[in-house]
Amino acid sequence: MKTLIGLAAAAITVLPLPALAGSWRDINELSQLVRAAGTEIVNTECSDNMMGSYQYDPDSGIDRLTICTNKVDMKDPDAVWETLSHEATHVAQACIGENVYKDTYLPRIFRSLRTEAPHYARLLDSYSQRDRLREAEAFYSELQLPSVVKTMVIKACDIEPTG
């Protein structure tokens, strides 16, 4: 059950990332999981400087993950995976109504970001304290193997895996 968590437009900015990106198969599988959680996926042009966003507002019936086709190279599976895995983390957060990882794991997340993606670690300073933790988890997901991200969504959203 998703709960309102104020991710009205959590966004990723355009920055390079040495991720363990997924294949087109991983992208399709994660997309199916996100849809199974009840989230619409929209590929569209965006006017602001973001690669994607997640909006959840049950009062207005909005549950939407957006990939910005004018910011993400839609022919590059690495670029698509990074955006999808980031925004899918926000879907998982909405499903459980809180952060995906326990607070005791947060130092590890911030350490990984500082060493593997320092540009993301610096970017987190621009977020409010509440959003910083949610965004840190989402940036961290971009560094994870596809199987880890898919399992996170399955568990958080209580999805029955297929295949």
N, C-alpha and C. Protein backbone atom coordinates (compact mmCIF):
# COMPACT_ATOMS: atom_id res chain seq x y z
N MET A 1 0.84 -1.18 0.00
CA MET A 1 0.00 0.00 0.00
C MET A 1 0.88 1.24 0.00
N LYS A 2 0.68 2.08 -0.95
CA LYS A 2 1.46 3.31 -1.02
C LYS A 2 0.89 4.34 -0.07
N THR A 3 1.77 5.10 0.52
CA THR A 3 1.35 6.20 1.38
C THR A 3 1.95 7.48 0.85
N LEU A 4 1.31 8.60 1.13
CA LEU A 4 1.78 9.89 0.66
C LEU A 4 3.09 10.23 1.34
N ILE A 5 4.13 10.50 0.55
CA ILE A 5 5.43 10.80 1.15
C ILE A 5 6.08 12.05 0.61
N GLY A 6 5.39 12.82 -0.19
CA GLY A 6 5.94 14.10 -0.61
C GLY A 6 7.09 14.02 -1.60
N LEU A 7 6.98 13.17 -2.57
CA LEU A 7 7.99 13.11 -3.61
C LEU A 7 7.44 13.78 -4.86
N ALA A 8 6.88 14.93 -4.70
CA ALA A 8 6.13 15.58 -5.77
C ALA A 8 6.88 15.69 -7.07
N ALA A 9 8.15 15.78 -7.04
CA ALA A 9 8.90 15.81 -8.30
C ALA A 9 10.37 15.60 -8.01
N ALA A 10 10.67 14.49 -7.34
CA ALA A 10 12.07 14.19 -7.06
C ALA A 10 12.77 13.96 -8.39
N ALA A 11 13.83 14.67 -8.61
CA ALA A 11 14.43 14.66 -9.93
C ALA A 11 15.92 14.39 -9.87
N ILE A 12 16.44 13.89 -10.97
CA ILE A 12 17.87 13.71 -11.11
C ILE A 12 18.36 14.76 -12.09
N THR A 13 19.51 15.32 -11.80
CA THR A 13 20.09 16.28 -12.72
C THR A 13 21.00 15.57 -13.70
N VAL A 14 21.38 16.26 -14.73
CA VAL A 14 22.19 15.67 -15.79
C VAL A 14 23.65 15.66 -15.37
N LEU A 15 24.14 14.50 -14.94
CA LEU A 15 25.53 14.33 -14.55
C LEU A 15 25.98 12.93 -14.95
N PRO A 16 27.25 12.74 -15.29
CA PRO A 16 27.72 11.41 -15.65
C PRO A 16 27.84 10.53 -14.41
N LEU A 17 27.69 9.23 -14.58
CA LEU A 17 27.79 8.31 -13.47
C LEU A 17 28.36 6.98 -13.93
N PRO A 18 29.40 6.50 -13.28
CA PRO A 18 29.92 5.19 -13.62
C PRO A 18 29.10 4.10 -12.94
N ALA A 19 27.97 3.78 -13.50
CA ALA A 19 27.04 2.85 -12.86
C ALA A 19 27.20 1.43 -13.39
N LEU A 20 26.63 0.51 -12.65
CA LEU A 20 26.53 -0.88 -13.07
C LEU A 20 25.20 -1.00 -13.80
N ALA A 21 25.11 -0.36 -14.92
CA ALA A 21 23.84 -0.21 -15.62
C ALA A 21 23.29 -1.53 -16.12
N GLY A 22 22.01 -1.51 -16.36
CA GLY A 22 21.32 -2.70 -16.80
C GLY A 22 21.21 -2.79 -18.30
N SER A 23 20.79 -3.93 -18.74
CA SER A 23 20.54 -4.19 -20.16
C SER A 23 19.12 -3.79 -20.49
N TRP A 24 18.78 -3.86 -21.77
CA TRP A 24 17.39 -3.59 -22.16
C TRP A 24 16.45 -4.58 -21.47
N ARG A 25 16.90 -5.80 -21.28
CA ARG A 25 16.07 -6.79 -20.57
C ARG A 25 15.81 -6.33 -19.12
N ASP A 26 16.87 -5.86 -18.45
CA ASP A 26 16.71 -5.37 -17.09
C ASP A 26 15.75 -4.17 -17.05
N ILE A 27 15.88 -3.29 -18.03
CA ILE A 27 15.01 -2.12 -18.12
C ILE A 27 13.56 -2.56 -18.29
N ASN A 28 13.32 -3.52 -19.17
CA ASN A 28 11.95 -4.03 -19.38
C ASN A 28 11.41 -4.69 -18.12
N GLU A 29 12.25 -5.48 -17.44
CA GLU A 29 11.80 -6.16 -16.22
C GLU A 29 11.48 -5.16 -15.11
N LEU A 30 12.34 -4.16 -14.92
CA LEU A 30 12.07 -3.16 -13.89
C LEU A 30 10.83 -2.34 -14.24
N SER A 31 10.67 -2.03 -15.51
CA SER A 31 9.47 -1.31 -15.94
C SER A 31 8.21 -2.11 -15.62
N GLN A 32 8.23 -3.41 -15.86
CA GLN A 32 7.08 -4.26 -15.54
C GLN A 32 6.79 -4.24 -14.05
N LEU A 33 7.85 -4.28 -13.24
CA LEU A 33 7.66 -4.25 -11.78
C LEU A 33 7.06 -2.93 -11.32
N VAL A 34 7.55 -1.84 -11.89
CA VAL A 34 7.02 -0.52 -11.53
C VAL A 34 5.53 -0.45 -11.90
N ARG A 35 5.19 -0.94 -13.07
CA ARG A 35 3.78 -0.95 -13.48
C ARG A 35 2.95 -1.86 -12.58
N ALA A 36 3.53 -2.99 -12.16
CA ALA A 36 2.82 -3.91 -11.27
C ALA A 36 2.55 -3.25 -9.91
N ALA A 37 3.37 -2.26 -9.55
CA ALA A 37 3.15 -1.52 -8.30
C ALA A 37 2.04 -0.49 -8.46
N GLY A 38 1.51 -0.35 -9.68
CA GLY A 38 0.43 0.59 -9.93
C GLY A 38 0.89 1.93 -10.46
N THR A 39 2.15 2.03 -10.84
CA THR A 39 2.72 3.29 -11.29
C THR A 39 2.74 3.34 -12.81
N GLU A 40 2.26 4.43 -13.34
CA GLU A 40 2.32 4.70 -14.78
C GLU A 40 3.73 5.16 -15.13
N ILE A 41 4.25 4.71 -16.27
CA ILE A 41 5.54 5.18 -16.76
C ILE A 41 5.28 6.01 -18.01
N VAL A 42 5.81 7.24 -17.99
CA VAL A 42 5.62 8.17 -19.09
C VAL A 42 6.98 8.58 -19.63
N ASN A 43 7.17 8.46 -20.93
CA ASN A 43 8.35 8.97 -21.61
C ASN A 43 7.93 10.22 -22.34
N THR A 44 8.50 11.36 -21.94
CA THR A 44 8.08 12.64 -22.52
C THR A 44 9.21 13.65 -22.41
N GLU A 45 9.09 14.73 -23.17
CA GLU A 45 10.05 15.82 -23.05
C GLU A 45 9.73 16.61 -21.79
N CYS A 46 10.78 17.09 -21.13
CA CYS A 46 10.63 17.86 -19.90
C CYS A 46 11.24 19.25 -20.11
N SER A 47 10.64 20.23 -19.47
CA SER A 47 11.11 21.59 -19.67
C SER A 47 12.23 21.97 -18.72
N ASP A 48 12.33 21.33 -17.57
CA ASP A 48 13.37 21.71 -16.64
C ASP A 48 14.59 20.80 -16.77
N ASN A 49 15.59 21.07 -15.96
CA ASN A 49 16.86 20.36 -16.07
C ASN A 49 16.85 19.09 -15.22
N MET A 50 16.02 18.15 -15.60
CA MET A 50 16.00 16.87 -14.91
C MET A 50 15.88 15.75 -15.93
N MET A 51 16.32 14.58 -15.50
CA MET A 51 16.28 13.42 -16.39
C MET A 51 15.03 12.58 -16.16
N GLY A 52 14.44 12.73 -15.00
CA GLY A 52 13.24 11.98 -14.67
C GLY A 52 12.63 12.50 -13.39
N SER A 53 11.45 12.00 -13.09
CA SER A 53 10.79 12.39 -11.84
C SER A 53 9.79 11.32 -11.44
N TYR A 54 9.40 11.39 -10.18
CA TYR A 54 8.34 10.51 -9.69
C TYR A 54 7.36 11.38 -8.92
N GLN A 55 6.09 11.23 -9.25
CA GLN A 55 5.03 11.97 -8.57
C GLN A 55 4.02 10.98 -8.02
N TYR A 56 3.67 11.20 -6.75
CA TYR A 56 2.65 10.36 -6.13
C TYR A 56 1.74 11.24 -5.29
N ASP A 57 0.48 11.26 -5.66
CA ASP A 57 -0.53 12.00 -4.94
C ASP A 57 -1.84 11.21 -5.05
N PRO A 58 -2.12 10.38 -4.06
CA PRO A 58 -3.32 9.54 -4.15
C PRO A 58 -4.62 10.33 -4.19
N ASP A 59 -4.62 11.53 -3.62
CA ASP A 59 -5.84 12.35 -3.63
C ASP A 59 -6.24 12.75 -5.05
N SER A 60 -5.25 12.99 -5.90
CA SER A 60 -5.56 13.37 -7.28
C SER A 60 -5.37 12.20 -8.25
N GLY A 61 -5.03 11.04 -7.72
CA GLY A 61 -4.87 9.86 -8.57
C GLY A 61 -3.58 9.82 -9.35
N ILE A 62 -2.58 10.61 -8.95
CA ILE A 62 -1.30 10.63 -9.66
C ILE A 62 -0.35 9.63 -9.05
N ASP A 63 0.16 8.76 -9.87
CA ASP A 63 1.20 7.80 -9.50
C ASP A 63 2.00 7.59 -10.79
N ARG A 64 2.99 8.47 -11.00
CA ARG A 64 3.63 8.54 -12.32
C ARG A 64 5.15 8.66 -12.21
N LEU A 65 5.83 7.81 -12.95
CA LEU A 65 7.27 7.88 -13.13
C LEU A 65 7.51 8.43 -14.53
N THR A 66 8.28 9.50 -14.62
CA THR A 66 8.54 10.14 -15.90
C THR A 66 10.01 10.02 -16.26
N ILE A 67 10.27 9.66 -17.51
CA ILE A 67 11.63 9.70 -18.06
C ILE A 67 11.63 10.79 -19.11
N CYS A 68 12.55 11.73 -18.96
CA CYS A 68 12.62 12.90 -19.84
C CYS A 68 13.41 12.55 -21.11
N THR A 69 12.69 12.35 -22.18
CA THR A 69 13.30 11.86 -23.42
C THR A 69 14.22 12.88 -24.08
N ASN A 70 14.08 14.14 -23.74
CA ASN A 70 14.98 15.15 -24.30
C ASN A 70 16.24 15.33 -23.45
N LYS A 71 16.31 14.65 -22.30
CA LYS A 71 17.49 14.73 -21.42
C LYS A 71 18.21 13.39 -21.32
N VAL A 72 17.49 12.30 -21.51
CA VAL A 72 18.06 10.95 -21.42
C VAL A 72 18.23 10.41 -22.83
N ASP A 73 19.40 9.87 -23.12
CA ASP A 73 19.63 9.24 -24.42
C ASP A 73 18.88 7.91 -24.43
N MET A 74 17.73 7.91 -25.06
CA MET A 74 16.84 6.75 -25.04
C MET A 74 17.38 5.57 -25.84
N LYS A 75 18.49 5.75 -26.54
CA LYS A 75 19.13 4.65 -27.26
C LYS A 75 20.27 4.03 -26.44
N ASP A 76 20.57 4.62 -25.30
CA ASP A 76 21.66 4.17 -24.43
C ASP A 76 21.06 3.47 -23.21
N PRO A 77 21.19 2.14 -23.12
CA PRO A 77 20.58 1.44 -21.99
C PRO A 77 21.15 1.87 -20.64
N ASP A 78 22.41 2.30 -20.61
CA ASP A 78 22.98 2.77 -19.35
C ASP A 78 22.24 4.02 -18.87
N ALA A 79 22.02 4.95 -19.76
CA ALA A 79 21.34 6.20 -19.40
C ALA A 79 19.91 5.93 -18.97
N VAL A 80 19.22 5.08 -19.70
CA VAL A 80 17.83 4.77 -19.35
C VAL A 80 17.78 4.04 -18.00
N TRP A 81 18.68 3.08 -17.80
CA TRP A 81 18.70 2.33 -16.55
C TRP A 81 18.94 3.25 -15.36
N GLU A 82 19.90 4.16 -15.47
CA GLU A 82 20.21 5.04 -14.36
C GLU A 82 18.99 5.85 -13.94
N THR A 83 18.28 6.39 -14.90
CA THR A 83 17.10 7.18 -14.59
C THR A 83 15.98 6.29 -14.04
N LEU A 84 15.74 5.17 -14.69
CA LEU A 84 14.67 4.28 -14.25
C LEU A 84 14.95 3.73 -12.85
N SER A 85 16.16 3.30 -12.58
CA SER A 85 16.47 2.75 -11.25
C SER A 85 16.35 3.81 -10.17
N HIS A 86 16.77 5.04 -10.47
CA HIS A 86 16.63 6.14 -9.53
C HIS A 86 15.16 6.37 -9.18
N GLU A 87 14.35 6.54 -10.21
CA GLU A 87 12.94 6.85 -9.98
C GLU A 87 12.18 5.64 -9.41
N ALA A 88 12.58 4.43 -9.77
CA ALA A 88 11.95 3.23 -9.20
C ALA A 88 12.20 3.15 -7.70
N THR A 89 13.31 3.69 -7.24
CA THR A 89 13.57 3.74 -5.80
C THR A 89 12.52 4.61 -5.12
N HIS A 90 12.15 5.71 -5.76
CA HIS A 90 11.09 6.56 -5.19
C HIS A 90 9.75 5.83 -5.19
N VAL A 91 9.50 5.00 -6.18
CA VAL A 91 8.29 4.17 -6.18
C VAL A 91 8.32 3.23 -4.97
N ALA A 92 9.46 2.58 -4.74
CA ALA A 92 9.59 1.67 -3.59
C ALA A 92 9.38 2.44 -2.28
N GLN A 93 9.93 3.64 -2.19
CA GLN A 93 9.73 4.45 -0.99
C GLN A 93 8.26 4.77 -0.78
N ALA A 94 7.56 5.07 -1.86
CA ALA A 94 6.12 5.36 -1.76
C ALA A 94 5.35 4.12 -1.33
N CYS A 95 5.76 2.97 -1.81
CA CYS A 95 5.06 1.72 -1.44
C CYS A 95 5.11 1.47 0.06
N ILE A 96 6.25 1.74 0.68
CA ILE A 96 6.38 1.45 2.11
C ILE A 96 6.19 2.70 2.99
N GLY A 97 6.14 3.87 2.35
CA GLY A 97 5.88 5.09 3.11
C GLY A 97 7.05 5.60 3.91
N GLU A 98 8.23 5.14 3.60
CA GLU A 98 9.43 5.59 4.29
C GLU A 98 10.65 5.23 3.45
N ASN A 99 11.82 5.48 3.99
CA ASN A 99 13.04 5.10 3.28
C ASN A 99 13.10 3.59 3.13
N VAL A 100 13.77 3.15 2.09
CA VAL A 100 13.88 1.71 1.81
C VAL A 100 14.87 1.06 2.76
N TYR A 101 15.99 1.73 3.00
CA TYR A 101 17.04 1.17 3.86
C TYR A 101 16.87 1.65 5.30
N LYS A 102 17.27 0.82 6.23
CA LYS A 102 17.25 1.20 7.63
C LYS A 102 18.24 2.33 7.86
N ASP A 103 17.98 3.15 8.86
CA ASP A 103 18.85 4.28 9.17
C ASP A 103 20.29 3.85 9.43
N THR A 104 20.48 2.66 9.99
CA THR A 104 21.84 2.19 10.28
C THR A 104 22.66 1.96 9.01
N TYR A 105 21.98 1.84 7.88
CA TYR A 105 22.66 1.61 6.60
C TYR A 105 23.05 2.92 5.92
N LEU A 106 22.50 4.04 6.37
CA LEU A 106 22.73 5.32 5.70
C LEU A 106 24.20 5.73 5.64
N PRO A 107 25.02 5.51 6.68
CA PRO A 107 26.44 5.87 6.53
C PRO A 107 27.11 5.14 5.36
N ARG A 108 26.73 3.91 5.14
CA ARG A 108 27.27 3.14 4.01
C ARG A 108 26.84 3.75 2.67
N ILE A 109 25.61 4.19 2.61
CA ILE A 109 25.10 4.81 1.38
C ILE A 109 25.88 6.09 1.09
N PHE A 110 26.02 6.94 2.09
CA PHE A 110 26.74 8.20 1.88
C PHE A 110 28.23 7.95 1.57
N ARG A 111 28.81 6.96 2.21
CA ARG A 111 30.21 6.61 1.92
C ARG A 111 30.36 6.13 0.48
N SER A 112 29.45 5.30 0.02
CA SER A 112 29.49 4.81 -1.37
C SER A 112 29.34 5.96 -2.35
N LEU A 113 28.43 6.87 -2.05
CA LEU A 113 28.24 8.01 -2.95
C LEU A 113 29.49 8.90 -2.98
N ARG A 114 30.10 9.13 -1.82
CA ARG A 114 31.30 9.97 -1.78
C ARG A 114 32.45 9.35 -2.57
N THR A 115 32.56 8.02 -2.55
CA THR A 115 33.69 7.38 -3.23
C THR A 115 33.39 7.01 -4.68
N GLU A 116 32.16 6.58 -4.97
CA GLU A 116 31.83 6.11 -6.31
C GLU A 116 31.15 7.15 -7.19
N ALA A 117 30.50 8.11 -6.58
CA ALA A 117 29.78 9.14 -7.35
C ALA A 117 29.82 10.46 -6.57
N PRO A 118 31.01 11.04 -6.41
CA PRO A 118 31.12 12.24 -5.58
C PRO A 118 30.26 13.41 -6.06
N HIS A 119 29.99 13.47 -7.36
CA HIS A 119 29.12 14.54 -7.87
C HIS A 119 27.71 14.41 -7.29
N TYR A 120 27.24 13.19 -7.06
CA TYR A 120 25.94 13.01 -6.42
C TYR A 120 26.00 13.37 -4.95
N ALA A 121 27.09 13.00 -4.28
CA ALA A 121 27.24 13.35 -2.86
C ALA A 121 27.19 14.86 -2.69
N ARG A 122 27.85 15.61 -3.56
CA ARG A 122 27.81 17.07 -3.49
C ARG A 122 26.42 17.60 -3.80
N LEU A 123 25.76 16.99 -4.76
CA LEU A 123 24.43 17.44 -5.15
C LEU A 123 23.42 17.29 -4.01
N LEU A 124 23.61 16.30 -3.16
CA LEU A 124 22.68 16.07 -2.05
C LEU A 124 22.60 17.27 -1.11
N ASP A 125 23.64 18.08 -1.04
CA ASP A 125 23.62 19.26 -0.18
C ASP A 125 22.55 20.26 -0.59
N SER A 126 22.10 20.19 -1.83
CA SER A 126 21.09 21.14 -2.30
C SER A 126 19.66 20.72 -1.92
N TYR A 127 19.50 19.54 -1.35
CA TYR A 127 18.17 19.05 -0.95
C TYR A 127 17.91 19.35 0.52
N SER A 128 16.64 19.44 0.88
CA SER A 128 16.27 19.58 2.28
C SER A 128 16.67 18.30 3.01
N GLN A 129 16.75 18.36 4.33
CA GLN A 129 17.16 17.18 5.10
C GLN A 129 16.26 15.99 4.82
N ARG A 130 14.96 16.21 4.76
CA ARG A 130 14.01 15.12 4.52
C ARG A 130 14.23 14.50 3.14
N ASP A 131 14.36 15.34 2.13
CA ASP A 131 14.55 14.84 0.77
C ASP A 131 15.94 14.27 0.54
N ARG A 132 16.92 14.75 1.30
CA ARG A 132 18.30 14.29 1.13
C ARG A 132 18.41 12.77 1.31
N LEU A 133 17.74 12.24 2.31
CA LEU A 133 17.82 10.80 2.56
C LEU A 133 17.15 10.01 1.44
N ARG A 134 16.01 10.48 0.98
CA ARG A 134 15.31 9.79 -0.11
C ARG A 134 16.13 9.84 -1.39
N GLU A 135 16.71 10.99 -1.68
CA GLU A 135 17.53 11.13 -2.89
C GLU A 135 18.82 10.32 -2.78
N ALA A 136 19.40 10.27 -1.59
CA ALA A 136 20.62 9.46 -1.40
C ALA A 136 20.34 8.00 -1.73
N GLU A 137 19.20 7.49 -1.27
CA GLU A 137 18.84 6.11 -1.60
C GLU A 137 18.68 5.93 -3.11
N ALA A 138 18.06 6.91 -3.75
CA ALA A 138 17.82 6.79 -5.19
C ALA A 138 19.14 6.87 -5.98
N PHE A 139 20.02 7.78 -5.60
CA PHE A 139 21.33 7.84 -6.26
C PHE A 139 22.12 6.56 -6.01
N TYR A 140 22.03 6.04 -4.80
CA TYR A 140 22.71 4.80 -4.44
C TYR A 140 22.21 3.63 -5.30
N SER A 141 20.92 3.61 -5.58
CA SER A 141 20.36 2.53 -6.41
C SER A 141 20.97 2.51 -7.80
N GLU A 142 21.35 3.68 -8.29
CA GLU A 142 21.98 3.74 -9.61
C GLU A 142 23.32 3.00 -9.63
N LEU A 143 23.93 2.82 -8.46
CA LEU A 143 25.23 2.15 -8.35
C LEU A 143 25.09 0.65 -8.14
N GLN A 144 23.87 0.18 -7.96
CA GLN A 144 23.63 -1.23 -7.62
C GLN A 144 23.42 -2.09 -8.87
N LEU A 145 23.63 -3.37 -8.70
CA LEU A 145 23.32 -4.32 -9.77
C LEU A 145 21.82 -4.29 -10.04
N PRO A 146 21.42 -4.52 -11.28
CA PRO A 146 19.99 -4.55 -11.60
C PRO A 146 19.19 -5.50 -10.71
N SER A 147 19.75 -6.64 -10.38
CA SER A 147 19.02 -7.60 -9.54
C SER A 147 18.70 -7.01 -8.17
N VAL A 148 19.58 -6.19 -7.63
CA VAL A 148 19.35 -5.57 -6.33
C VAL A 148 18.19 -4.58 -6.41
N VAL A 149 18.18 -3.77 -7.46
CA VAL A 149 17.12 -2.77 -7.62
C VAL A 149 15.77 -3.45 -7.84
N LYS A 150 15.74 -4.47 -8.68
CA LYS A 150 14.48 -5.18 -8.93
C LYS A 150 13.96 -5.85 -7.66
N THR A 151 14.84 -6.46 -6.90
CA THR A 151 14.44 -7.10 -5.65
C THR A 151 13.91 -6.08 -4.66
N MET A 152 14.53 -4.90 -4.61
CA MET A 152 14.07 -3.84 -3.72
C MET A 152 12.62 -3.46 -4.05
N VAL A 153 12.31 -3.29 -5.33
CA VAL A 153 10.95 -2.90 -5.73
C VAL A 153 9.97 -4.04 -5.43
N ILE A 154 10.35 -5.25 -5.71
CA ILE A 154 9.49 -6.42 -5.43
C ILE A 154 9.13 -6.47 -3.95
N LYS A 155 10.14 -6.33 -3.08
CA LYS A 155 9.89 -6.43 -1.64
C LYS A 155 9.10 -5.23 -1.12
N ALA A 156 9.51 -4.03 -1.51
CA ALA A 156 8.86 -2.82 -1.00
C ALA A 156 7.40 -2.73 -1.42
N CYS A 157 7.12 -3.12 -2.65
CA CYS A 157 5.77 -2.98 -3.20
C CYS A 157 4.97 -4.28 -3.13
N ASP A 158 5.55 -5.30 -2.49
CA ASP A 158 4.86 -6.58 -2.30
C ASP A 158 4.33 -7.14 -3.61
N ILE A 159 5.25 -7.22 -4.59
CA ILE A 159 4.91 -7.71 -5.92
C ILE A 159 5.27 -9.18 -6.02
N GLU A 160 4.40 -9.93 -6.60
CA GLU A 160 4.69 -11.35 -6.87
C GLU A 160 5.56 -11.42 -8.12
N PRO A 161 6.84 -11.82 -7.97
CA PRO A 161 7.72 -11.87 -9.14
C PRO A 161 7.23 -12.88 -10.17
N THR A 162 7.46 -12.55 -11.44
CA THR A 162 7.08 -13.46 -12.52
C THR A 162 8.32 -14.20 -13.00
N GLY A 163 8.12 -15.33 -13.60
CA GLY A 163 9.21 -16.10 -14.20
C GLY A 163 10.01 -16.75 -13.19
